[in-house]
Amino acid sequence: MPAVRWSCPPHGDIRGSHPIAVAEPDPFFTVTVRDSLAGPVLECQGELEPDTANRLRTALDRALASLPVPPMLMVDLSAVTFMDSSGLNTLLRARMAAVRQGTIVHLARPSHPVVRVLRITGTDRLFDIDQDAPAVVPRTRTG
């Protein structure tokens, strides 16, 4: 399945069997959503700060709203070049929503700027962090 790249909060959801139409990529922050056997994988790239955190929030909310409820949500942060408290708040909100529905949020391969914020705030203990995330295994679709 092709990746879905959001450069602005789109309307609709990711539950359909077809990718969502997307706008031009944002030069500062993008979220690519992929399906995997365990649940959605969100690949983040760029600066996660007040002007871009809503893009991630939208992608996380939609991924958590997918049916059936995913057992896991992986957020690949390896290409995040900057993260401040707005990015951290977005991740914490998603974690709380995920816990309520029984989904585990994994932070995959967080970059140095992300790790630094997580450690300084002590929130690294709240997330499952996978330094060597497994490859995305595509979900097989029929029809």
Protein backbone atom coordinates (compact mmCIF):
# COMPACT_ATOMS: atom_id res chain seq x y z
CA MET A 1 0.00 0.00 0.00
CA PRO A 2 1.40 3.41 -0.82
CA ALA A 3 2.24 5.77 1.98
CA VAL A 4 -0.15 8.51 2.94
CA ARG A 5 1.59 11.86 3.39
CA TRP A 6 -0.22 14.68 5.18
CA SER A 7 1.06 18.22 4.99
CA CYS A 8 -2.01 19.74 6.60
CA PRO A 9 -4.75 18.22 8.75
CA PRO A 10 -6.94 16.40 6.20
CA HIS A 11 -10.61 15.58 6.70
CA GLY A 12 -11.71 11.96 6.47
CA ASP A 13 -10.08 8.99 8.08
CA ILE A 14 -7.58 6.20 7.45
CA ARG A 15 -10.01 3.35 7.96
CA GLY A 16 -10.84 2.87 4.29
CA SER A 17 -9.03 0.40 2.07
CA HIS A 18 -7.74 3.17 -0.18
CA PRO A 19 -5.21 5.89 0.60
CA ILE A 20 -6.49 9.38 1.29
CA ALA A 21 -5.75 12.09 -1.28
CA VAL A 22 -3.01 14.32 0.06
CA ALA A 23 -1.76 17.86 -0.35
CA GLU A 24 1.78 18.97 -1.14
CA PRO A 25 4.36 17.97 1.50
CA ASP A 26 5.18 20.57 4.14
CA PRO A 27 8.88 21.51 4.13
CA PHE A 28 9.04 21.60 7.94
CA PHE A 29 7.09 18.53 9.11
CA THR A 30 5.41 15.54 7.51
CA VAL A 31 3.68 12.44 8.82
CA THR A 32 3.56 9.34 6.66
CA VAL A 33 1.00 6.74 7.73
CA ARG A 34 1.50 3.09 6.86
CA ASP A 35 -0.48 -0.02 7.73
CA SER A 36 1.24 -2.92 9.44
CA LEU A 37 0.01 -6.23 10.82
CA ALA A 38 0.18 -4.89 14.39
CA GLY A 39 -1.39 -1.50 13.67
CA PRO A 40 -0.64 1.88 12.14
CA VAL A 41 2.90 3.18 11.81
CA LEU A 42 3.37 6.95 11.74
CA GLU A 43 6.69 8.07 10.30
CA CYS A 44 7.48 11.64 11.34
CA GLN A 45 10.02 13.89 9.68
CA GLY A 46 11.07 17.44 10.46
CA GLU A 47 10.50 19.91 13.28
CA LEU A 48 7.80 19.03 15.83
CA GLU A 49 6.88 22.37 17.37
CA PRO A 50 3.76 24.55 17.93
CA ASP A 51 3.14 25.25 14.24
CA THR A 52 3.40 21.57 13.24
CA ALA A 53 2.14 19.61 16.27
CA ASN A 54 -1.45 19.68 14.98
CA ARG A 55 -0.40 17.62 11.97
CA LEU A 56 0.87 14.89 14.24
CA ARG A 57 -2.17 15.21 16.54
CA THR A 58 -4.51 14.72 13.57
CA ALA A 59 -2.60 11.66 12.36
CA LEU A 60 -2.49 10.13 15.87
CA ASP A 61 -6.20 10.74 16.47
CA ARG A 62 -7.12 9.14 13.16
CA ALA A 63 -4.83 6.18 13.69
CA LEU A 64 -6.34 5.56 17.12
CA ALA A 65 -9.85 5.85 15.68
CA SER A 66 -9.24 3.11 13.12
CA LEU A 67 -11.32 -0.05 13.35
CA PRO A 68 -10.69 -2.63 14.50
CA VAL A 69 -8.92 -0.96 17.40
CA PRO A 70 -5.19 -1.44 16.77
CA PRO A 71 -3.25 -3.35 19.44
CA MET A 72 -0.24 -1.15 18.78
CA LEU A 73 0.52 2.28 17.38
CA MET A 74 4.11 2.88 16.36
CA VAL A 75 5.41 6.43 16.00
CA ASP A 76 8.74 6.50 14.17
CA LEU A 77 10.59 9.59 15.37
CA SER A 78 13.97 8.87 13.79
CA ALA A 79 13.73 11.78 11.35
CA VAL A 80 12.46 14.38 13.83
CA THR A 81 15.08 17.14 13.93
CA PHE A 82 13.52 19.22 16.73
CA MET A 83 10.84 18.66 19.37
CA ASP A 84 9.57 20.99 22.07
CA SER A 85 6.83 20.76 24.72
CA SER A 86 4.06 20.98 22.12
CA GLY A 87 5.35 17.82 20.45
CA LEU A 88 5.72 16.10 23.81
CA ASN A 89 2.18 17.13 24.78
CA THR A 90 0.85 15.69 21.52
CA LEU A 91 2.55 12.35 22.23
CA LEU A 92 1.29 12.31 25.83
CA ARG A 93 -2.30 13.01 24.74
CA ALA A 94 -2.11 10.16 22.26
CA ARG A 95 -0.70 7.85 24.92
CA MET A 96 -3.61 8.63 27.27
CA ALA A 97 -6.17 8.01 24.51
CA ALA A 98 -4.41 4.79 23.54
CA VAL A 99 -4.37 3.48 27.12
CA ARG A 100 -8.14 4.06 27.39
CA GLN A 101 -8.76 1.81 24.40
CA GLY A 102 -6.08 -0.81 25.10
CA THR A 103 -3.59 0.27 22.44
CA ILE A 104 0.13 0.39 23.22
CA VAL A 105 2.06 3.37 21.84
CA HIS A 106 5.62 2.58 20.80
CA LEU A 107 8.07 5.34 20.02
CA ALA A 108 10.39 3.94 17.38
CA ARG A 109 13.99 5.01 16.94
CA PRO A 110 13.61 8.46 18.52
CA SER A 111 16.21 10.95 17.33
CA HIS A 112 18.60 12.65 19.74
CA PRO A 113 16.42 15.81 20.07
CA VAL A 114 13.40 13.65 20.95
CA VAL A 115 15.32 11.49 23.43
CA ARG A 116 16.66 14.62 25.10
CA VAL A 117 13.16 16.04 25.70
CA LEU A 118 11.86 12.68 26.92
CA ARG A 119 14.74 12.24 29.37
CA ILE A 120 14.72 15.82 30.70
CA THR A 121 10.99 15.56 31.44
CA GLY A 122 11.11 11.98 32.74
CA THR A 123 8.48 10.94 30.22
CA ASP A 124 10.82 8.35 28.69
CA ARG A 125 9.49 6.05 31.44
CA LEU A 126 5.91 6.44 30.21
CA PHE A 127 6.45 5.17 26.67
CA ASP A 128 7.57 1.90 25.17
CA ILE A 129 10.65 3.00 23.25
CA ASP A 130 12.03 0.78 20.50
CA GLN A 131 15.54 1.85 19.51
CA ASP A 132 15.59 -0.77 16.75
CA ALA A 133 12.02 -0.88 15.50
CA PRO A 134 11.06 -3.83 13.33
CA ALA A 135 10.45 -3.30 9.65
CA VAL A 136 6.90 -2.41 8.71
CA VAL A 137 5.11 -5.58 7.61
CA PRO A 138 2.35 -4.56 5.19
CA ARG A 139 -1.18 -5.63 5.97
CA THR A 140 -2.61 -7.94 3.37
CA ARG A 141 -5.83 -6.58 1.89
CA THR A 142 -8.36 -8.61 -0.01
CA GLY A 143 -10.91 -7.40 -2.49
